[in-house]
């Protein structure tokens, strides 16, 4: 019985918070707020959106390649410290293989993005 009262109070509190939010939003001037945000925005043209996305992608690829190189170094360390244990050697070879596959896929995706970009700009 006590749990039901607690649940009911919980639902009532959540509902009243939502109702209060709707009531406050009804009187808010969203157009002036959007204009104020747009004044300080670094995005003034559609080309700026693409330049910002390009920068984000470049940072992502850089971080990805640094992590991939670290994985290769860790796999090489595991390979060197295997001490002839066949299971550890197989595991280290698998780690190196999949790190190289990840780098190849990343390079192909960069190349595919460049091909698509050239195709769109050429059209």
N, C-alpha and C. Protein backbone atom coordinates (compact mmCIF):
# COMPACT_ATOMS: atom_id res chain seq x y z
N UNK A 1 0.82 -1.18 0.00
CA UNK A 1 0.00 0.00 0.00
C UNK A 1 0.87 1.25 0.00
N UNK A 2 1.94 1.21 0.79
CA UNK A 2 2.84 2.36 0.90
C UNK A 2 3.57 2.60 -0.43
N UNK A 3 3.90 1.51 -1.13
CA UNK A 3 4.57 1.65 -2.42
C UNK A 3 3.65 2.29 -3.45
N UNK A 4 2.37 1.96 -3.41
CA UNK A 4 1.42 2.54 -4.35
C UNK A 4 1.30 4.05 -4.15
N UNK A 5 1.31 4.48 -2.89
CA UNK A 5 1.25 5.92 -2.61
C UNK A 5 2.50 6.61 -3.14
N UNK A 6 3.65 5.97 -2.94
CA UNK A 6 4.90 6.54 -3.42
C UNK A 6 4.91 6.64 -4.94
N UNK A 7 4.43 5.61 -5.61
CA UNK A 7 4.35 5.63 -7.08
C UNK A 7 3.41 6.72 -7.57
N UNK A 8 2.27 6.84 -6.91
CA UNK A 8 1.30 7.87 -7.30
C UNK A 8 1.90 9.26 -7.13
N UNK A 9 2.57 9.50 -6.02
CA UNK A 9 3.21 10.80 -5.80
C UNK A 9 4.32 11.04 -6.83
N UNK A 10 5.04 10.01 -7.16
CA UNK A 10 6.10 10.12 -8.16
C UNK A 10 5.53 10.49 -9.52
N UNK A 11 4.46 9.82 -9.93
CA UNK A 11 3.81 10.12 -11.21
C UNK A 11 3.24 11.54 -11.22
N UNK A 12 2.66 11.94 -10.10
CA UNK A 12 2.08 13.28 -10.02
C UNK A 12 3.18 14.34 -10.12
N UNK A 13 4.32 14.10 -9.49
CA UNK A 13 5.43 15.05 -9.55
C UNK A 13 5.96 15.16 -10.98
N UNK A 14 6.12 14.03 -11.65
CA UNK A 14 6.60 14.04 -13.03
C UNK A 14 5.61 14.76 -13.95
N UNK A 15 4.33 14.49 -13.76
CA UNK A 15 3.31 15.12 -14.59
C UNK A 15 3.28 16.63 -14.37
N UNK A 16 3.40 17.05 -13.11
CA UNK A 16 3.35 18.49 -12.83
C UNK A 16 4.59 19.19 -13.39
N UNK A 17 5.75 18.54 -13.38
CA UNK A 17 6.94 19.13 -13.98
C UNK A 17 6.75 19.32 -15.48
N UNK A 18 6.18 18.32 -16.14
CA UNK A 18 5.94 18.42 -17.58
C UNK A 18 4.90 19.49 -17.89
N UNK A 19 3.87 19.54 -17.09
CA UNK A 19 2.82 20.53 -17.29
C UNK A 19 3.37 21.94 -17.09
N UNK A 20 4.22 22.12 -16.11
CA UNK A 20 4.84 23.42 -15.87
C UNK A 20 5.75 23.80 -17.04
N UNK A 21 6.49 22.84 -17.57
CA UNK A 21 7.34 23.11 -18.72
C UNK A 21 6.55 23.54 -19.94
N UNK A 22 5.43 22.88 -20.19
CA UNK A 22 4.57 23.25 -21.32
C UNK A 22 3.98 24.64 -21.11
N UNK A 23 3.57 24.94 -19.90
CA UNK A 23 2.99 26.26 -19.62
C UNK A 23 4.02 27.37 -19.80
N UNK A 24 5.25 27.13 -19.37
CA UNK A 24 6.29 28.14 -19.53
C UNK A 24 6.70 28.29 -20.99
N UNK A 25 6.72 27.19 -21.73
CA UNK A 25 7.12 27.24 -23.14
C UNK A 25 6.07 27.95 -23.99
N UNK A 26 4.82 27.96 -23.56
CA UNK A 26 3.76 28.59 -24.34
C UNK A 26 3.97 30.10 -24.44
N UNK A 27 4.59 30.71 -23.45
CA UNK A 27 4.80 32.15 -23.44
C UNK A 27 6.20 32.56 -23.90
N UNK A 28 7.03 31.63 -24.29
CA UNK A 28 8.41 31.92 -24.65
C UNK A 28 8.49 32.33 -26.12
N UNK A 29 9.28 33.35 -26.43
CA UNK A 29 9.45 33.83 -27.80
C UNK A 29 10.65 33.10 -28.41
N UNK A 30 10.38 32.02 -29.14
CA UNK A 30 11.44 31.21 -29.72
C UNK A 30 12.15 31.91 -30.87
N UNK A 31 11.45 32.78 -31.60
CA UNK A 31 12.08 33.47 -32.73
C UNK A 31 13.20 34.40 -32.27
N UNK A 32 12.97 35.16 -31.23
CA UNK A 32 14.02 36.06 -30.75
C UNK A 32 15.19 35.27 -30.17
N UNK A 33 14.90 34.16 -29.51
CA UNK A 33 15.97 33.34 -28.97
C UNK A 33 16.81 32.75 -30.09
N UNK A 34 16.17 32.30 -31.17
CA UNK A 34 16.91 31.74 -32.30
C UNK A 34 17.76 32.81 -32.98
N UNK A 35 17.26 34.02 -33.08
CA UNK A 35 18.04 35.10 -33.68
C UNK A 35 19.24 35.46 -32.81
N UNK A 36 19.06 35.45 -31.51
CA UNK A 36 20.18 35.75 -30.62
C UNK A 36 21.25 34.68 -30.71
N UNK A 37 20.85 33.42 -30.82
CA UNK A 37 21.81 32.34 -30.97
C UNK A 37 22.52 32.41 -32.31
N UNK A 38 21.81 32.79 -33.36
CA UNK A 38 22.39 32.84 -34.70
C UNK A 38 23.42 33.95 -34.83
N UNK A 39 23.32 35.00 -34.05
CA UNK A 39 24.27 36.10 -34.15
C UNK A 39 25.67 35.68 -33.73
N UNK A 40 25.79 34.83 -32.76
CA UNK A 40 27.10 34.38 -32.30
C UNK A 40 27.55 33.07 -32.91
N UNK A 41 26.81 32.55 -33.86
CA UNK A 41 27.10 31.24 -34.44
C UNK A 41 28.23 31.33 -35.46
N UNK A 42 29.14 30.35 -35.46
CA UNK A 42 30.19 30.34 -36.48
C UNK A 42 29.67 29.87 -37.84
N UNK A 43 28.44 29.39 -37.89
CA UNK A 43 27.86 28.90 -39.14
C UNK A 43 27.01 30.01 -39.74
N UNK A 44 27.56 30.64 -40.79
CA UNK A 44 26.81 31.72 -41.43
C UNK A 44 26.32 31.32 -42.82
N UNK A 45 26.97 30.34 -43.43
CA UNK A 45 26.57 29.85 -44.75
C UNK A 45 26.58 28.33 -44.73
N UNK A 46 25.93 27.70 -45.72
CA UNK A 46 25.97 26.23 -45.77
C UNK A 46 27.39 25.69 -45.95
N UNK A 47 28.27 26.45 -46.60
CA UNK A 47 29.65 25.98 -46.78
C UNK A 47 30.37 25.86 -45.44
N UNK A 48 29.99 26.70 -44.49
CA UNK A 48 30.61 26.64 -43.16
C UNK A 48 30.27 25.32 -42.46
N UNK A 49 29.06 24.82 -42.70
CA UNK A 49 28.67 23.54 -42.11
C UNK A 49 29.60 22.44 -42.60
N UNK A 50 29.86 22.42 -43.91
CA UNK A 50 30.74 21.40 -44.47
C UNK A 50 32.17 21.56 -43.98
N UNK A 51 32.63 22.78 -43.81
CA UNK A 51 33.99 22.97 -43.30
C UNK A 51 34.11 22.51 -41.85
N UNK A 52 33.08 22.75 -41.05
CA UNK A 52 33.11 22.28 -39.67
C UNK A 52 33.05 20.76 -39.62
N UNK A 53 32.20 20.15 -40.44
CA UNK A 53 32.14 18.69 -40.49
C UNK A 53 33.46 18.10 -40.97
N UNK A 54 34.09 18.74 -41.95
CA UNK A 54 35.38 18.27 -42.45
C UNK A 54 36.43 18.30 -41.35
N UNK A 55 36.43 19.36 -40.56
CA UNK A 55 37.38 19.47 -39.44
C UNK A 55 37.13 18.37 -38.41
N UNK A 56 35.88 18.11 -38.11
CA UNK A 56 35.54 17.05 -37.15
C UNK A 56 36.01 15.70 -37.67
N UNK A 57 35.77 15.44 -38.95
CA UNK A 57 36.18 14.16 -39.55
C UNK A 57 37.70 14.02 -39.54
N UNK A 58 38.42 15.10 -39.83
CA UNK A 58 39.88 15.04 -39.82
C UNK A 58 40.41 14.72 -38.42
N UNK A 59 39.84 15.35 -37.41
CA UNK A 59 40.26 15.04 -36.04
C UNK A 59 39.93 13.59 -35.69
N UNK A 60 38.77 13.13 -36.12
CA UNK A 60 38.38 11.75 -35.84
C UNK A 60 39.34 10.76 -36.48
N UNK A 61 39.72 10.99 -37.74
CA UNK A 61 40.67 10.09 -38.40
C UNK A 61 42.03 10.14 -37.73
N UNK A 62 42.46 11.31 -37.31
CA UNK A 62 43.75 11.41 -36.63
C UNK A 62 43.74 10.61 -35.34
N UNK A 63 42.71 10.77 -34.55
CA UNK A 63 42.60 10.01 -33.30
C UNK A 63 42.51 8.52 -33.60
N UNK A 64 41.76 8.15 -34.63
CA UNK A 64 41.61 6.74 -34.99
C UNK A 64 42.96 6.12 -35.34
N UNK A 65 43.76 6.82 -36.15
CA UNK A 65 45.04 6.27 -36.55
C UNK A 65 46.01 6.19 -35.38
N UNK A 66 45.96 7.14 -34.47
CA UNK A 66 46.82 7.07 -33.28
C UNK A 66 46.45 5.85 -32.44
N UNK A 67 45.15 5.62 -32.26
CA UNK A 67 44.70 4.45 -31.50
C UNK A 67 45.08 3.16 -32.22
N UNK A 68 44.95 3.14 -33.55
CA UNK A 68 45.31 1.93 -34.31
C UNK A 68 46.80 1.63 -34.17
N UNK A 69 47.64 2.65 -34.21
CA UNK A 69 49.08 2.43 -34.03
C UNK A 69 49.36 1.92 -32.62
N UNK A 70 48.67 2.45 -31.63
CA UNK A 70 48.84 1.95 -30.27
C UNK A 70 48.44 0.48 -30.16
N UNK A 71 47.35 0.09 -30.83
CA UNK A 71 46.94 -1.31 -30.81
C UNK A 71 47.99 -2.20 -31.48
N UNK A 72 48.59 -1.72 -32.55
CA UNK A 72 49.65 -2.50 -33.21
C UNK A 72 50.85 -2.64 -32.28
N UNK A 73 51.21 -1.57 -31.58
CA UNK A 73 52.34 -1.65 -30.64
C UNK A 73 52.03 -2.61 -29.49
N UNK A 74 50.81 -2.58 -28.98
CA UNK A 74 50.43 -3.50 -27.91
C UNK A 74 50.47 -4.94 -28.41
N UNK A 75 49.98 -5.16 -29.63
CA UNK A 75 50.00 -6.51 -30.20
C UNK A 75 51.44 -6.97 -30.42
N UNK A 76 52.31 -6.07 -30.87
CA UNK A 76 53.71 -6.43 -31.06
C UNK A 76 54.36 -6.77 -29.71
N UNK A 77 54.03 -6.01 -28.68
CA UNK A 77 54.55 -6.32 -27.35
C UNK A 77 54.06 -7.69 -26.89
N UNK A 78 52.79 -7.98 -27.12
CA UNK A 78 52.25 -9.30 -26.76
C UNK A 78 52.95 -10.40 -27.54
N UNK A 79 53.27 -10.12 -28.79
CA UNK A 79 53.96 -11.10 -29.62
C UNK A 79 55.37 -11.36 -29.09
N UNK A 80 56.05 -10.30 -28.70
CA UNK A 80 57.42 -10.45 -28.20
C UNK A 80 57.47 -11.11 -26.83
N UNK A 81 56.46 -10.91 -26.02
CA UNK A 81 56.46 -11.48 -24.67
C UNK A 81 55.73 -12.82 -24.60
N UNK A 82 55.39 -13.39 -25.73
CA UNK A 82 54.67 -14.67 -25.74
C UNK A 82 55.55 -15.82 -25.26
N UNK A 83 56.86 -15.70 -25.40
CA UNK A 83 57.82 -16.71 -24.95
C UNK A 83 57.52 -18.08 -25.53
N UNK A 84 57.14 -18.11 -26.78
CA UNK A 84 56.93 -19.37 -27.46
C UNK A 84 55.59 -20.04 -27.19
N UNK A 85 54.74 -19.43 -26.42
CA UNK A 85 53.42 -19.98 -26.13
C UNK A 85 52.56 -19.85 -27.39
N UNK A 86 52.15 -20.98 -28.00
CA UNK A 86 51.40 -20.91 -29.26
C UNK A 86 50.09 -20.13 -29.15
N UNK A 87 49.39 -20.22 -28.04
CA UNK A 87 48.12 -19.51 -27.89
C UNK A 87 48.34 -18.00 -27.88
N UNK A 88 49.39 -17.54 -27.18
CA UNK A 88 49.68 -16.10 -27.14
C UNK A 88 50.15 -15.59 -28.49
N UNK A 89 50.92 -16.41 -29.21
CA UNK A 89 51.39 -16.00 -30.54
C UNK A 89 50.22 -15.87 -31.49
N UNK A 90 49.30 -16.82 -31.45
CA UNK A 90 48.11 -16.76 -32.32
C UNK A 90 47.27 -15.53 -31.96
N UNK A 91 47.12 -15.26 -30.67
CA UNK A 91 46.36 -14.09 -30.24
C UNK A 91 47.02 -12.79 -30.71
N UNK A 92 48.34 -12.69 -30.59
CA UNK A 92 49.05 -11.48 -31.03
C UNK A 92 48.95 -11.31 -32.54
N UNK A 93 49.07 -12.39 -33.29
CA UNK A 93 48.93 -12.30 -34.75
C UNK A 93 47.52 -11.84 -35.13
N UNK A 94 46.54 -12.34 -34.41
CA UNK A 94 45.16 -11.92 -34.66
C UNK A 94 44.97 -10.44 -34.36
N UNK A 95 45.56 -9.96 -33.27
CA UNK A 95 45.46 -8.54 -32.92
C UNK A 95 46.10 -7.66 -34.00
N UNK A 96 47.28 -8.05 -34.47
CA UNK A 96 47.96 -7.28 -35.52
C UNK A 96 47.13 -7.31 -36.80
N UNK A 97 46.61 -8.46 -37.15
CA UNK A 97 45.82 -8.59 -38.37
C UNK A 97 44.61 -7.66 -38.34
N UNK A 98 43.86 -7.67 -37.24
CA UNK A 98 42.65 -6.86 -37.17
C UNK A 98 42.96 -5.37 -37.07
N UNK A 99 44.09 -5.02 -36.48
CA UNK A 99 44.49 -3.61 -36.46
C UNK A 99 44.82 -3.14 -37.88
N UNK A 100 45.49 -3.97 -38.65
CA UNK A 100 45.81 -3.62 -40.04
C UNK A 100 44.53 -3.55 -40.87
N UNK A 101 43.60 -4.47 -40.65
CA UNK A 101 42.32 -4.41 -41.36
C UNK A 101 41.58 -3.11 -41.04
N UNK A 102 41.61 -2.69 -39.79
CA UNK A 102 40.95 -1.44 -39.40
C UNK A 102 41.59 -0.24 -40.10
N UNK A 103 42.91 -0.23 -40.21
CA UNK A 103 43.60 0.87 -40.89
C UNK A 103 43.25 0.88 -42.37
N UNK A 104 43.20 -0.29 -42.99
CA UNK A 104 42.85 -0.37 -44.42
C UNK A 104 41.42 0.14 -44.64
N UNK A 105 40.50 -0.25 -43.80
CA UNK A 105 39.11 0.22 -43.93
C UNK A 105 39.04 1.73 -43.76
N UNK A 106 39.80 2.27 -42.81
CA UNK A 106 39.80 3.72 -42.61
C UNK A 106 40.36 4.43 -43.84
N UNK A 107 41.43 3.90 -44.41
CA UNK A 107 42.01 4.52 -45.61
C UNK A 107 41.04 4.44 -46.78
N UNK A 108 40.35 3.32 -46.92
CA UNK A 108 39.36 3.20 -48.00
C UNK A 108 38.20 4.17 -47.80
N UNK A 109 37.79 4.35 -46.55
CA UNK A 109 36.68 5.28 -46.32
C UNK A 109 37.10 6.72 -46.59
N UNK A 110 38.34 7.08 -46.26
CA UNK A 110 38.84 8.41 -46.59
C UNK A 110 38.87 8.58 -48.10
N UNK A 111 39.35 7.56 -48.81
CA UNK A 111 39.39 7.62 -50.27
C UNK A 111 38.00 7.70 -50.87
N UNK A 112 37.06 6.93 -50.33
CA UNK A 112 35.69 6.97 -50.84
C UNK A 112 35.07 8.34 -50.61
N UNK A 113 35.33 8.93 -49.46
CA UNK A 113 34.80 10.27 -49.19
C UNK A 113 35.38 11.29 -50.16
N UNK A 114 36.66 11.15 -50.48
CA UNK A 114 37.29 12.08 -51.43
C UNK A 114 36.71 11.89 -52.83
N UNK A 115 36.48 10.65 -53.24
CA UNK A 115 35.90 10.38 -54.56
C UNK A 115 34.49 10.97 -54.64
N UNK A 116 33.69 10.76 -53.61
CA UNK A 116 32.33 11.31 -53.60
C UNK A 116 32.37 12.84 -53.62
N UNK A 117 33.29 13.43 -52.86
CA UNK A 117 33.42 14.88 -52.83
C UNK A 117 33.80 15.42 -54.21
N UNK A 118 34.74 14.77 -54.89
CA UNK A 118 35.13 15.21 -56.23
C UNK A 118 33.99 15.03 -57.22
N UNK A 119 33.23 13.97 -57.07
CA UNK A 119 32.09 13.72 -57.97
C UNK A 119 31.03 14.81 -57.80
N UNK A 120 30.75 15.17 -56.55
CA UNK A 120 29.74 16.20 -56.29
C UNK A 120 30.21 17.56 -56.78
N UNK A 121 31.46 17.90 -56.54
CA UNK A 121 31.98 19.20 -56.97
C UNK A 121 32.10 19.27 -58.49
N UNK A 122 32.38 18.13 -59.13
CA UNK A 122 32.53 18.12 -60.58
C UNK A 122 31.20 18.22 -61.31
N UNK A 123 30.12 17.83 -60.65
CA UNK A 123 28.80 17.84 -61.30
C UNK A 123 28.20 19.21 -61.34
